Full PDB file with SEQRES, HELIX, SHEET, SSBOND, CRYST1, ORIGX, SCALE, CONECT and MASTER records, all heavy atoms in Angstrom:
SEQRES   1 A   41  ASN ASN LEU ILE SER ILE VAL ILE PRO THR TYR ASN ARG          
SEQRES   2 A   41  LYS LYS LYS LEU GLU ARG ALA ILE LEU SER VAL LEU ASN          
SEQRES   3 A   41  GLN SER TYR LYS ASN TRP GLU LEU ILE ILE VAL ASP ASN          
SEQRES   4 A   41  TYR SER                                                      
HELIX    1 AA1 LYS A   14  LEU A   25  1                                  12    
SHEET    1 AA1 2 ILE A   4  THR A  10  0                                        
SHEET    2 AA1 2 TRP A  32  ASP A  38  1                                        
CRYST1    1.000    1.000    1.000  90.00  90.00  90.00 P 1           1          
ORIGX1      1.000000  0.000000  0.000000        0.00000                         
ORIGX2      0.000000  1.000000  0.000000        0.00000                         
ORIGX3      0.000000  0.000000  1.000000        0.00000                         
SCALE1      1.000000  0.000000  0.000000        0.00000                         
SCALE2      0.000000  1.000000  0.000000        0.00000                         
SCALE3      0.000000  0.000000  1.000000        0.00000                         
ATOM      1  N   ASN A   1       9.269  -7.149  16.551  1.00  0.00           N  
ATOM      2  CA  ASN A   1       8.343  -6.249  15.879  1.00  0.00           C  
ATOM      3  C   ASN A   1       9.059  -5.655  14.671  1.00  0.00           C  
ATOM      4  O   ASN A   1       9.307  -4.457  14.604  1.00  0.00           O  
ATOM      5  CB  ASN A   1       7.872  -5.170  16.857  1.00  0.00           C  
ATOM      6  CG  ASN A   1       6.677  -4.412  16.348  1.00  0.00           C  
ATOM      7  OD1 ASN A   1       5.943  -4.898  15.487  1.00  0.00           O  
ATOM      8  ND2 ASN A   1       6.475  -3.217  16.848  1.00  0.00           N  
ATOM      9  N   ASN A   2       9.432  -6.531  13.724  1.00  0.00           N  
ATOM     10  CA  ASN A   2      10.184  -6.120  12.546  1.00  0.00           C  
ATOM     11  C   ASN A   2       9.391  -5.148  11.687  1.00  0.00           C  
ATOM     12  O   ASN A   2       8.196  -5.330  11.489  1.00  0.00           O  
ATOM     13  CB  ASN A   2      10.515  -7.348  11.680  1.00  0.00           C  
ATOM     14  CG  ASN A   2      11.404  -8.324  12.397  1.00  0.00           C  
ATOM     15  OD1 ASN A   2      12.537  -8.017  12.701  1.00  0.00           O  
ATOM     16  ND2 ASN A   2      10.875  -9.508  12.676  1.00  0.00           N  
ATOM     17  N   LEU A   3      10.113  -4.137  11.145  1.00  0.00           N  
ATOM     18  CA  LEU A   3       9.496  -3.255  10.171  1.00  0.00           C  
ATOM     19  C   LEU A   3       9.302  -4.037   8.882  1.00  0.00           C  
ATOM     20  O   LEU A   3      10.245  -4.638   8.361  1.00  0.00           O  
ATOM     21  CB  LEU A   3      10.378  -2.030   9.909  1.00  0.00           C  
ATOM     22  CG  LEU A   3       9.877  -1.086   8.812  1.00  0.00           C  
ATOM     23  CD1 LEU A   3       8.538  -0.448   9.214  1.00  0.00           C  
ATOM     24  CD2 LEU A   3      10.925  -0.014   8.519  1.00  0.00           C  
ATOM     25  N   ILE A   4       8.085  -4.051   8.386  1.00  0.00           N  
ATOM     26  CA  ILE A   4       7.763  -4.716   7.127  1.00  0.00           C  
ATOM     27  C   ILE A   4       7.443  -3.632   6.103  1.00  0.00           C  
ATOM     28  O   ILE A   4       6.591  -2.778   6.340  1.00  0.00           O  
ATOM     29  CB  ILE A   4       6.566  -5.672   7.286  1.00  0.00           C  
ATOM     30  CG1 ILE A   4       6.908  -6.793   8.281  1.00  0.00           C  
ATOM     31  CG2 ILE A   4       6.156  -6.249   5.938  1.00  0.00           C  
ATOM     32  CD1 ILE A   4       5.739  -7.718   8.611  1.00  0.00           C  
ATOM     33  N   SER A   5       8.167  -3.663   4.988  1.00  0.00           N  
ATOM     34  CA  SER A   5       7.916  -2.728   3.895  1.00  0.00           C  
ATOM     35  C   SER A   5       6.981  -3.384   2.895  1.00  0.00           C  
ATOM     36  O   SER A   5       7.173  -4.545   2.528  1.00  0.00           O  
ATOM     37  CB  SER A   5       9.227  -2.356   3.200  1.00  0.00           C  
ATOM     38  OG  SER A   5      10.100  -1.713   4.092  1.00  0.00           O  
ATOM     39  N   ILE A   6       5.994  -2.632   2.452  1.00  0.00           N  
ATOM     40  CA  ILE A   6       5.009  -3.129   1.491  1.00  0.00           C  
ATOM     41  C   ILE A   6       5.149  -2.312   0.217  1.00  0.00           C  
ATOM     42  O   ILE A   6       5.102  -1.075   0.258  1.00  0.00           O  
ATOM     43  CB  ILE A   6       3.579  -2.986   2.058  1.00  0.00           C  
ATOM     44  CG1 ILE A   6       3.470  -3.725   3.394  1.00  0.00           C  
ATOM     45  CG2 ILE A   6       2.545  -3.471   1.049  1.00  0.00           C  
ATOM     46  CD1 ILE A   6       2.525  -3.086   4.366  1.00  0.00           C  
ATOM     47  N   VAL A   7       5.335  -2.998  -0.906  1.00  0.00           N  
ATOM     48  CA  VAL A   7       5.518  -2.332  -2.191  1.00  0.00           C  
ATOM     49  C   VAL A   7       4.296  -2.577  -3.068  1.00  0.00           C  
ATOM     50  O   VAL A   7       3.934  -3.725  -3.327  1.00  0.00           O  
ATOM     51  CB  VAL A   7       6.798  -2.833  -2.897  1.00  0.00           C  
ATOM     52  CG1 VAL A   7       6.933  -2.215  -4.280  1.00  0.00           C  
ATOM     53  CG2 VAL A   7       8.033  -2.547  -2.045  1.00  0.00           C  
ATOM     54  N   ILE A   8       3.683  -1.472  -3.503  1.00  0.00           N  
ATOM     55  CA  ILE A   8       2.545  -1.537  -4.423  1.00  0.00           C  
ATOM     56  C   ILE A   8       2.906  -0.795  -5.705  1.00  0.00           C  
ATOM     57  O   ILE A   8       3.018   0.439  -5.700  1.00  0.00           O  
ATOM     58  CB  ILE A   8       1.271  -0.886  -3.840  1.00  0.00           C  
ATOM     59  CG1 ILE A   8       0.807  -1.564  -2.556  1.00  0.00           C  
ATOM     60  CG2 ILE A   8       0.146  -0.895  -4.886  1.00  0.00           C  
ATOM     61  CD1 ILE A   8      -0.438  -0.923  -1.931  1.00  0.00           C  
ATOM     62  N   PRO A   9       3.071  -1.517  -6.823  1.00  0.00           N  
ATOM     63  CA  PRO A   9       3.187  -0.826  -8.113  1.00  0.00           C  
ATOM     64  C   PRO A   9       1.784  -0.547  -8.640  1.00  0.00           C  
ATOM     65  O   PRO A   9       0.866  -1.329  -8.403  1.00  0.00           O  
ATOM     66  CB  PRO A   9       3.910  -1.852  -8.995  1.00  0.00           C  
ATOM     67  CG  PRO A   9       3.563  -3.175  -8.386  1.00  0.00           C  
ATOM     68  CD  PRO A   9       3.276  -2.944  -6.926  1.00  0.00           C  
ATOM     69  N   THR A  10       1.609   0.570  -9.332  1.00  0.00           N  
ATOM     70  CA  THR A  10       0.268   0.890  -9.821  1.00  0.00           C  
ATOM     71  C   THR A  10       0.321   1.720 -11.095  1.00  0.00           C  
ATOM     72  O   THR A  10       1.298   2.405 -11.374  1.00  0.00           O  
ATOM     73  CB  THR A  10      -0.558   1.628  -8.741  1.00  0.00           C  
ATOM     74  OG1 THR A  10      -1.924   1.665  -9.130  1.00  0.00           O  
ATOM     75  CG2 THR A  10      -0.039   3.021  -8.475  1.00  0.00           C  
ATOM     76  N   TYR A  11      -0.774   1.637 -11.838  1.00  0.00           N  
ATOM     77  CA  TYR A  11      -0.984   2.485 -13.003  1.00  0.00           C  
ATOM     78  C   TYR A  11      -2.480   2.550 -13.302  1.00  0.00           C  
ATOM     79  O   TYR A  11      -3.105   1.531 -13.613  1.00  0.00           O  
ATOM     80  CB  TYR A  11      -0.233   1.971 -14.232  1.00  0.00           C  
ATOM     81  CG  TYR A  11      -0.494   2.813 -15.458  1.00  0.00           C  
ATOM     82  CD1 TYR A  11      -0.002   4.115 -15.547  1.00  0.00           C  
ATOM     83  CD2 TYR A  11      -1.270   2.335 -16.499  1.00  0.00           C  
ATOM     84  CE1 TYR A  11      -0.264   4.899 -16.656  1.00  0.00           C  
ATOM     85  CE2 TYR A  11      -1.534   3.114 -17.616  1.00  0.00           C  
ATOM     86  CZ  TYR A  11      -1.031   4.403 -17.687  1.00  0.00           C  
ATOM     87  OH  TYR A  11      -1.302   5.184 -18.782  1.00  0.00           O  
ATOM     88  N   ASN A  12      -3.049   3.721 -13.147  1.00  0.00           N  
ATOM     89  CA  ASN A  12      -4.461   3.985 -13.443  1.00  0.00           C  
ATOM     90  C   ASN A  12      -5.421   2.985 -12.788  1.00  0.00           C  
ATOM     91  O   ASN A  12      -6.334   2.469 -13.432  1.00  0.00           O  
ATOM     92  CB  ASN A  12      -4.705   4.037 -14.951  1.00  0.00           C  
ATOM     93  CG  ASN A  12      -4.221   5.337 -15.562  1.00  0.00           C  
ATOM     94  OD1 ASN A  12      -4.049   6.337 -14.870  1.00  0.00           O  
ATOM     95  ND2 ASN A  12      -3.978   5.321 -16.854  1.00  0.00           N  
ATOM     96  N   ARG A  13      -5.222   2.754 -11.511  1.00  0.00           N  
ATOM     97  CA  ARG A  13      -6.119   1.869 -10.756  1.00  0.00           C  
ATOM     98  C   ARG A  13      -6.593   2.562  -9.487  1.00  0.00           C  
ATOM     99  O   ARG A  13      -6.662   1.957  -8.418  1.00  0.00           O  
ATOM    100  CB  ARG A  13      -5.415   0.564 -10.409  1.00  0.00           C  
ATOM    101  CG  ARG A  13      -5.242  -0.336 -11.592  1.00  0.00           C  
ATOM    102  CD  ARG A  13      -4.840  -1.696 -11.128  1.00  0.00           C  
ATOM    103  NE  ARG A  13      -4.959  -2.655 -12.197  1.00  0.00           N  
ATOM    104  CZ  ARG A  13      -4.284  -3.782 -12.230  1.00  0.00           C  
ATOM    105  NH1 ARG A  13      -3.460  -4.086 -11.251  1.00  0.00           N  
ATOM    106  NH2 ARG A  13      -4.447  -4.622 -13.217  1.00  0.00           N  
ATOM    107  N   LYS A  14      -6.928   3.821  -9.602  1.00  0.00           N  
ATOM    108  CA  LYS A  14      -7.268   4.640  -8.439  1.00  0.00           C  
ATOM    109  C   LYS A  14      -8.298   3.986  -7.522  1.00  0.00           C  
ATOM    110  O   LYS A  14      -8.098   3.898  -6.314  1.00  0.00           O  
ATOM    111  CB  LYS A  14      -7.768   6.004  -8.918  1.00  0.00           C  
ATOM    112  CG  LYS A  14      -8.145   6.950  -7.816  1.00  0.00           C  
ATOM    113  CD  LYS A  14      -8.650   8.252  -8.398  1.00  0.00           C  
ATOM    114  CE  LYS A  14      -9.399   9.034  -7.353  1.00  0.00           C  
ATOM    115  NZ  LYS A  14     -10.082  10.185  -7.942  1.00  0.00           N  
ATOM    116  N   LYS A  15      -9.407   3.516  -8.076  1.00  0.00           N  
ATOM    117  CA  LYS A  15     -10.464   2.936  -7.237  1.00  0.00           C  
ATOM    118  C   LYS A  15     -10.001   1.668  -6.536  1.00  0.00           C  
ATOM    119  O   LYS A  15     -10.262   1.466  -5.353  1.00  0.00           O  
ATOM    120  CB  LYS A  15     -11.713   2.663  -8.069  1.00  0.00           C  
ATOM    121  CG  LYS A  15     -12.430   3.918  -8.487  1.00  0.00           C  
ATOM    122  CD  LYS A  15     -13.671   3.621  -9.296  1.00  0.00           C  
ATOM    123  CE  LYS A  15     -14.334   4.921  -9.723  1.00  0.00           C  
ATOM    124  NZ  LYS A  15     -15.509   4.698 -10.538  1.00  0.00           N  
ATOM    125  N   LYS A  16      -9.320   0.816  -7.256  1.00  0.00           N  
ATOM    126  CA  LYS A  16      -8.836  -0.429  -6.643  1.00  0.00           C  
ATOM    127  C   LYS A  16      -7.673  -0.158  -5.704  1.00  0.00           C  
ATOM    128  O   LYS A  16      -7.538  -0.820  -4.673  1.00  0.00           O  
ATOM    129  CB  LYS A  16      -8.449  -1.426  -7.729  1.00  0.00           C  
ATOM    130  CG  LYS A  16      -9.665  -1.922  -8.494  1.00  0.00           C  
ATOM    131  CD  LYS A  16      -9.303  -2.905  -9.565  1.00  0.00           C  
ATOM    132  CE  LYS A  16     -10.577  -3.371 -10.269  1.00  0.00           C  
ATOM    133  NZ  LYS A  16     -10.327  -4.391 -11.260  1.00  0.00           N  
ATOM    134  N   LEU A  17      -6.840   0.810  -6.030  1.00  0.00           N  
ATOM    135  CA  LEU A  17      -5.706   1.163  -5.179  1.00  0.00           C  
ATOM    136  C   LEU A  17      -6.184   1.647  -3.813  1.00  0.00           C  
ATOM    137  O   LEU A  17      -5.587   1.308  -2.792  1.00  0.00           O  
ATOM    138  CB  LEU A  17      -4.848   2.235  -5.856  1.00  0.00           C  
ATOM    139  CG  LEU A  17      -3.685   2.769  -5.027  1.00  0.00           C  
ATOM    140  CD1 LEU A  17      -2.680   1.658  -4.716  1.00  0.00           C  
ATOM    141  CD2 LEU A  17      -3.003   3.925  -5.756  1.00  0.00           C  
ATOM    142  N   GLU A  18      -7.263   2.401  -3.783  1.00  0.00           N  
ATOM    143  CA  GLU A  18      -7.792   2.880  -2.505  1.00  0.00           C  
ATOM    144  C   GLU A  18      -8.119   1.705  -1.580  1.00  0.00           C  
ATOM    145  O   GLU A  18      -7.788   1.720  -0.396  1.00  0.00           O  
ATOM    146  CB  GLU A  18      -9.033   3.741  -2.724  1.00  0.00           C  
ATOM    147  CG  GLU A  18      -9.592   4.304  -1.433  1.00  0.00           C  
ATOM    148  CD  GLU A  18     -10.745   5.259  -1.663  1.00  0.00           C  
ATOM    149  OE1 GLU A  18     -11.368   5.238  -2.751  1.00  0.00           O  
ATOM    150  OE2 GLU A  18     -11.032   6.036  -0.735  1.00  0.00           O  
ATOM    151  N   ARG A  19      -8.739   0.679  -2.121  1.00  0.00           N  
ATOM    152  CA  ARG A  19      -9.062  -0.521  -1.321  1.00  0.00           C  
ATOM    153  C   ARG A  19      -7.783  -1.207  -0.832  1.00  0.00           C  
ATOM    154  O   ARG A  19      -7.706  -1.654   0.312  1.00  0.00           O  
ATOM    155  CB  ARG A  19      -9.919  -1.469  -2.152  1.00  0.00           C  
ATOM    156  CG  ARG A  19     -10.376  -2.700  -1.402  1.00  0.00           C  
ATOM    157  CD  ARG A  19     -11.248  -3.580  -2.244  1.00  0.00           C  
ATOM    158  NE  ARG A  19     -10.493  -4.023  -3.412  1.00  0.00           N  
ATOM    159  CZ  ARG A  19     -10.983  -4.712  -4.413  1.00  0.00           C  
ATOM    160  NH1 ARG A  19     -12.246  -5.039  -4.432  1.00  0.00           N  
ATOM    161  NH2 ARG A  19     -10.230  -5.077  -5.426  1.00  0.00           N  
ATOM    162  N   ALA A  20      -6.770  -1.278  -1.687  1.00  0.00           N  
ATOM    163  CA  ALA A  20      -5.496  -1.893  -1.303  1.00  0.00           C  
ATOM    164  C   ALA A  20      -4.846  -1.112  -0.157  1.00  0.00           C  
ATOM    165  O   ALA A  20      -4.386  -1.697   0.834  1.00  0.00           O  
ATOM    166  CB  ALA A  20      -4.556  -1.973  -2.502  1.00  0.00           C  
ATOM    167  N   ILE A  21      -4.827   0.210  -0.276  1.00  0.00           N  
ATOM    168  CA  ILE A  21      -4.239   1.054   0.773  1.00  0.00           C  
ATOM    169  C   ILE A  21      -4.994   0.888   2.081  1.00  0.00           C  
ATOM    170  O   ILE A  21      -4.390   0.743   3.153  1.00  0.00           O  
ATOM    171  CB  ILE A  21      -4.220   2.536   0.333  1.00  0.00           C  
ATOM    172  CG1 ILE A  21      -3.269   2.731  -0.854  1.00  0.00           C  
ATOM    173  CG2 ILE A  21      -3.825   3.440   1.505  1.00  0.00           C  
ATOM    174  CD1 ILE A  21      -3.386   4.093  -1.526  1.00  0.00           C  
ATOM    175  N   LEU A  22      -6.315   0.907   2.018  1.00  0.00           N  
ATOM    176  CA  LEU A  22      -7.115   0.746   3.238  1.00  0.00           C  
ATOM    177  C   LEU A  22      -6.846  -0.599   3.905  1.00  0.00           C  
ATOM    178  O   LEU A  22      -6.834  -0.702   5.134  1.00  0.00           O  
ATOM    179  CB  LEU A  22      -8.605   0.910   2.925  1.00  0.00           C  
ATOM    180  CG  LEU A  22      -9.056   2.332   2.617  1.00  0.00           C  
ATOM    181  CD1 LEU A  22     -10.491   2.342   2.089  1.00  0.00           C  
ATOM    182  CD2 LEU A  22      -8.920   3.235   3.840  1.00  0.00           C  
ATOM    183  N   SER A  23      -6.609  -1.634   3.104  1.00  0.00           N  
ATOM    184  CA  SER A  23      -6.331  -2.950   3.692  1.00  0.00           C  
ATOM    185  C   SER A  23      -4.992  -2.958   4.429  1.00  0.00           C  
ATOM    186  O   SER A  23      -4.808  -3.723   5.378  1.00  0.00           O  
ATOM    187  CB  SER A  23      -6.398  -4.052   2.634  1.00  0.00           C  
ATOM    188  OG  SER A  23      -5.243  -4.109   1.830  1.00  0.00           O  
ATOM    189  N   VAL A  24      -4.063  -2.101   4.031  1.00  0.00           N  
ATOM    190  CA  VAL A  24      -2.794  -1.962   4.756  1.00  0.00           C  
ATOM    191  C   VAL A  24      -3.004  -1.108   6.002  1.00  0.00           C  
ATOM    192  O   VAL A  24      -2.547  -1.468   7.093  1.00  0.00           O  
ATOM    193  CB  VAL A  24      -1.696  -1.364   3.844  1.00  0.00           C  
ATOM    194  CG1 VAL A  24      -0.430  -1.075   4.646  1.00  0.00           C  
ATOM    195  CG2 VAL A  24      -1.393  -2.289   2.680  1.00  0.00           C  
ATOM    196  N   LEU A  25      -3.689  -0.005   5.861  1.00  0.00           N  
ATOM    197  CA  LEU A  25      -3.938   0.876   7.010  1.00  0.00           C  
ATOM    198  C   LEU A  25      -4.672   0.153   8.137  1.00  0.00           C  
ATOM    199  O   LEU A  25      -4.473   0.468   9.317  1.00  0.00           O  
ATOM    200  CB  LEU A  25      -4.754   2.096   6.575  1.00  0.00           C  
ATOM    201  CG  LEU A  25      -4.030   3.117   5.707  1.00  0.00           C  
ATOM    202  CD1 LEU A  25      -5.019   4.162   5.177  1.00  0.00           C  
ATOM    203  CD2 LEU A  25      -2.904   3.786   6.465  1.00  0.00           C  
ATOM    204  N   ASN A  26      -5.503  -0.817   7.792  1.00  0.00           N  
ATOM    205  CA  ASN A  26      -6.305  -1.532   8.789  1.00  0.00           C  
ATOM    206  C   ASN A  26      -5.616  -2.774   9.363  1.00  0.00           C  
ATOM    207  O   ASN A  26      -6.250  -3.525  10.122  1.00  0.00           O  
ATOM    208  CB  ASN A  26      -7.654  -1.918   8.182  1.00  0.00           C  
ATOM    209  CG  ASN A  26      -8.518  -0.702   7.934  1.00  0.00           C  
ATOM    210  OD1 ASN A  26      -8.503   0.246   8.699  1.00  0.00           O  
ATOM    211  ND2 ASN A  26      -9.256  -0.722   6.833  1.00  0.00           N  
ATOM    212  N   GLN A  27      -4.364  -2.988   9.047  1.00  0.00           N  
ATOM    213  CA  GLN A  27      -3.660  -4.166   9.559  1.00  0.00           C  
ATOM    214  C   GLN A  27      -3.575  -4.143  11.083  1.00  0.00           C  
ATOM    215  O   GLN A  27      -3.334  -3.095  11.695  1.00  0.00           O  
ATOM    216  CB  GLN A  27      -2.240  -4.240   8.975  1.00  0.00           C  
ATOM    217  CG  GLN A  27      -2.188  -4.616   7.520  1.00  0.00           C  
ATOM    218  CD  GLN A  27      -2.731  -6.012   7.280  1.00  0.00           C  
ATOM    219  OE1 GLN A  27      -2.258  -6.998   7.835  1.00  0.00           O  
ATOM    220  NE2 GLN A  27      -3.752  -6.082   6.427  1.00  0.00           N  
ATOM    221  N   SER A  28      -3.742  -5.306  11.702  1.00  0.00           N  
ATOM    222  CA  SER A  28      -3.580  -5.403  13.150  1.00  0.00           C  
ATOM    223  C   SER A  28      -2.110  -5.283  13.547  1.00  0.00           C  
ATOM    224  O   SER A  28      -1.800  -4.813  14.639  1.00  0.00           O  
ATOM    225  CB  SER A  28      -4.179  -6.714  13.666  1.00  0.00           C  
ATOM    226  OG  SER A  28      -3.547  -7.831  13.073  1.00  0.00           O  
ATOM    227  N   TYR A  29      -1.204  -5.697  12.687  1.00  0.00           N  
ATOM    228  CA  TYR A  29       0.237  -5.520  12.881  1.00  0.00           C  
ATOM    229  C   TYR A  29       0.570  -4.113  12.397  1.00  0.00           C  
ATOM    230  O   TYR A  29       0.283  -3.764  11.254  1.00  0.00           O  
ATOM    231  CB  TYR A  29       1.003  -6.572  12.076  1.00  0.00           C  
ATOM    232  CG  TYR A  29       2.503  -6.551  12.267  1.00  0.00           C  
ATOM    233  CD1 TYR A  29       3.084  -7.337  13.244  1.00  0.00           C  
ATOM    234  CD2 TYR A  29       3.312  -5.776  11.451  1.00  0.00           C  
ATOM    235  CE1 TYR A  29       4.465  -7.343  13.417  1.00  0.00           C  
ATOM    236  CE2 TYR A  29       4.686  -5.775  11.617  1.00  0.00           C  
ATOM    237  CZ  TYR A  29       5.259  -6.555  12.605  1.00  0.00           C  
ATOM    238  OH  TYR A  29       6.621  -6.563  12.773  1.00  0.00           O  
ATOM    239  N   LYS A  30       1.161  -3.297  13.232  1.00  0.00           N  
ATOM    240  CA  LYS A  30       1.274  -1.865  12.940  1.00  0.00           C  
ATOM    241  C   LYS A  30       2.663  -1.393  12.503  1.00  0.00           C  
ATOM    242  O   LYS A  30       2.809  -0.238  12.099  1.00  0.00           O  
ATOM    243  CB  LYS A  30       0.855  -1.047  14.162  1.00  0.00           C  
ATOM    244  CG  LYS A  30      -0.593  -1.268  14.564  1.00  0.00           C  
ATOM    245  CD  LYS A  30      -1.548  -0.852  13.468  1.00  0.00           C  
ATOM    246  CE  LYS A  30      -3.003  -0.990  13.884  1.00  0.00           C  
ATOM    247  NZ  LYS A  30      -3.921  -0.779  12.781  1.00  0.00           N  
ATOM    248  N   ASN A  31       3.695  -2.227  12.573  1.00  0.00           N  
ATOM    249  CA  ASN A  31       5.043  -1.763  12.225  1.00  0.00           C  
ATOM    250  C   ASN A  31       5.323  -2.026  10.750  1.00  0.00           C  
ATOM    251  O   ASN A  31       5.971  -3.008  10.390  1.00  0.00           O  
ATOM    252  CB  ASN A  31       6.100  -2.412  13.119  1.00  0.00           C  
ATOM    253  CG  ASN A  31       7.428  -1.692  13.023  1.00  0.00           C  
ATOM    254  OD1 ASN A  31       7.493  -0.556  12.580  1.00  0.00           O  
ATOM    255  ND2 ASN A  31       8.480  -2.356  13.438  1.00  0.00           N  
ATOM    256  N   TRP A  32       4.808  -1.156   9.903  1.00  0.00           N  
ATOM    257  CA  TRP A  32       4.959  -1.289   8.462  1.00  0.00           C  
ATOM    258  C   TRP A  32       5.157   0.087   7.839  1.00  0.00           C  
ATOM    259  O   TRP A  32       4.884   1.110   8.460  1.00  0.00           O  
ATOM    260  CB  TRP A  32       3.727  -1.960   7.834  1.00  0.00           C  
ATOM    261  CG  TRP A  32       2.418  -1.330   8.191  1.00  0.00           C  
ATOM    262  CD1 TRP A  32       1.551  -1.749   9.167  1.00  0.00           C  
ATOM    263  CD2 TRP A  32       1.841  -0.148   7.619  1.00  0.00           C  
ATOM    264  NE1 TRP A  32       0.466  -0.898   9.214  1.00  0.00           N  
ATOM    265  CE2 TRP A  32       0.616   0.094   8.276  1.00  0.00           C  
ATOM    266  CE3 TRP A  32       2.222   0.742   6.615  1.00  0.00           C  
ATOM    267  CZ2 TRP A  32      -0.216   1.168   7.972  1.00  0.00           C  
ATOM    268  CZ3 TRP A  32       1.399   1.819   6.300  1.00  0.00           C  
ATOM    269  CH2 TRP A  32       0.190   2.011   6.982  1.00  0.00           C  
ATOM    270  N   GLU A  33       5.666   0.067   6.633  1.00  0.00           N  
ATOM    271  CA  GLU A  33       5.698   1.245   5.775  1.00  0.00           C  
ATOM    272  C   GLU A  33       5.149   0.817   4.430  1.00  0.00           C  
ATOM    273  O   GLU A  33       5.331  -0.323   4.013  1.00  0.00           O  
ATOM    274  CB  GLU A  33       7.111   1.812   5.631  1.00  0.00           C  
ATOM    275  CG  GLU A  33       8.051   0.909   4.865  1.00  0.00           C  
ATOM    276  CD  GLU A  33       9.401   1.540   4.550  1.00  0.00           C  
ATOM    277  OE1 GLU A  33       9.587   2.750   4.741  1.00  0.00           O  
ATOM    278  OE2 GLU A  33      10.284   0.789   4.092  1.00  0.00           O  
ATOM    279  N   LEU A  34       4.465   1.731   3.762  1.00  0.00           N  
ATOM    280  CA  LEU A  34       3.858   1.442   2.469  1.00  0.00           C  
ATOM    281  C   LEU A  34       4.553   2.286   1.408  1.00  0.00           C  
ATOM    282  O   LEU A  34       4.659   3.515   1.553  1.00  0.00           O  
ATOM    283  CB  LEU A  34       2.363   1.740   2.504  1.00  0.00           C  
ATOM    284  CG  LEU A  34       1.582   1.550   1.209  1.00  0.00           C  
ATOM    285  CD1 LEU A  34       1.717   0.125   0.666  1.00  0.00           C  
ATOM    286  CD2 LEU A  34       0.111   1.891   1.432  1.00  0.00           C  
ATOM    287  N   ILE A  35       5.027   1.634   0.364  1.00  0.00           N  
ATOM    288  CA  ILE A  35       5.707   2.305  -0.735  1.00  0.00           C  
ATOM    289  C   ILE A  35       4.886   2.080  -1.995  1.00  0.00           C  
ATOM    290  O   ILE A  35       4.750   0.948  -2.460  1.00  0.00           O  
ATOM    291  CB  ILE A  35       7.129   1.759  -0.906  1.00  0.00           C  
ATOM    292  CG1 ILE A  35       7.920   1.982   0.378  1.00  0.00           C  
ATOM    293  CG2 ILE A  35       7.822   2.407  -2.107  1.00  0.00           C  
ATOM    294  CD1 ILE A  35       9.077   1.053   0.564  1.00  0.00           C  
ATOM    295  N   ILE A  36       4.321   3.158  -2.504  1.00  0.00           N  
ATOM    296  CA  ILE A  36       3.510   3.094  -3.722  1.00  0.00           C  
ATOM    297  C   ILE A  36       4.347   3.654  -4.861  1.00  0.00           C  
ATOM    298  O   ILE A  36       4.842   4.787  -4.778  1.00  0.00           O  
ATOM    299  CB  ILE A  36       2.198   3.874  -3.552  1.00  0.00           C  
ATOM    300  CG1 ILE A  36       1.378   3.265  -2.415  1.00  0.00           C  
ATOM    301  CG2 ILE A  36       1.407   3.889  -4.863  1.00  0.00           C  
ATOM    302  CD1 ILE A  36       0.189   4.086  -1.984  1.00  0.00           C  
ATOM    303  N   VAL A  37       4.514   2.861  -5.913  1.00  0.00           N  
ATOM    304  CA  VAL A  37       5.295   3.271  -7.076  1.00  0.00           C  
ATOM    305  C   VAL A  37       4.338   3.375  -8.259  1.00  0.00           C  
ATOM    306  O   VAL A  37       3.853   2.369  -8.767  1.00  0.00           O  
ATOM    307  CB  VAL A  37       6.443   2.278  -7.359  1.00  0.00           C  
ATOM    308  CG1 VAL A  37       7.284   2.775  -8.532  1.00  0.00           C  
ATOM    309  CG2 VAL A  37       7.304   2.069  -6.114  1.00  0.00           C  
ATOM    310  N   ASP A  38       4.093   4.601  -8.669  1.00  0.00           N  
ATOM    311  CA  ASP A  38       3.112   4.893  -9.710  1.00  0.00           C  
ATOM    312  C   ASP A  38       3.813   5.130 -11.046  1.00  0.00           C  
ATOM    313  O   ASP A  38       4.797   5.868 -11.120  1.00  0.00           O  
ATOM    314  CB  ASP A  38       2.319   6.135  -9.303  1.00  0.00           C  
ATOM    315  CG  ASP A  38       1.291   6.540 -10.337  1.00  0.00           C  
ATOM    316  OD1 ASP A  38       0.643   5.646 -10.911  1.00  0.00           O  
ATOM    317  OD2 ASP A  38       1.134   7.756 -10.562  1.00  0.00           O  
ATOM    318  N   ASN A  39       3.282   4.540 -12.089  1.00  0.00           N  
ATOM    319  CA  ASN A  39       3.816   4.680 -13.447  1.00  0.00           C  
ATOM    320  C   ASN A  39       3.148   5.881 -14.144  1.00  0.00           C  
ATOM    321  O   ASN A  39       2.629   5.758 -15.243  1.00  0.00           O  
ATOM    322  CB  ASN A  39       3.587   3.379 -14.233  1.00  0.00           C  
ATOM    323  CG  ASN A  39       4.292   3.357 -15.561  1.00  0.00           C  
ATOM    324  OD1 ASN A  39       5.297   4.021 -15.759  1.00  0.00           O  
ATOM    325  ND2 ASN A  39       3.746   2.601 -16.503  1.00  0.00           N  
ATOM    326  N   TYR A  40       3.150   7.023 -13.453  1.00  0.00           N  
ATOM    327  CA  TYR A  40       2.559   8.266 -13.974  1.00  0.00           C  
ATOM    328  C   TYR A  40       1.108   8.077 -14.431  1.00  0.00           C  
ATOM    329  O   TYR A  40       0.757   8.354 -15.573  1.00  0.00           O  
ATOM    330  CB  TYR A  40       3.422   8.871 -15.082  1.00  0.00           C  
ATOM    331  CG  TYR A  40       4.721   9.417 -14.554  1.00  0.00           C  
ATOM    332  CD1 TYR A  40       5.894   8.695 -14.654  1.00  0.00           C  
ATOM    333  CD2 TYR A  40       4.747  10.666 -13.926  1.00  0.00           C  
ATOM    334  CE1 TYR A  40       7.083   9.189 -14.143  1.00  0.00           C  
ATOM    335  CE2 TYR A  40       5.934  11.161 -13.409  1.00  0.00           C  
ATOM    336  CZ  TYR A  40       7.102  10.422 -13.521  1.00  0.00           C  
ATOM    337  OH  TYR A  40       8.285  10.910 -13.008  1.00  0.00           O  
ATOM    338  N   SER A  41       0.288   7.628 -13.515  1.00  0.00           N  
ATOM    339  CA  SER A  41      -1.148   7.464 -13.789  1.00  0.00           C  
ATOM    340  C   SER A  41      -1.780   8.787 -14.192  1.00  0.00           C  
ATOM    341  O   SER A  41      -1.330   9.863 -13.780  1.00  0.00           O  
ATOM    342  CB  SER A  41      -1.865   6.932 -12.543  1.00  0.00           C  
ATOM    343  OG  SER A  41      -1.431   5.641 -12.234  1.00  0.00           O  
TER     344      SER A  41                                                      
MASTER        0    0    0    1    2    0    0    6  343    1    0    4          
END                                                                             
């Protein structure tokens, strides 16, 4: 059950980013961390 890190870079994509985040939150595999790197949106 390896920890999987997910990296999302973003800039001014709030609406699309929400869908991306929800797709991670809804994963059947639960051992993950999400790292969002924002370019000062």
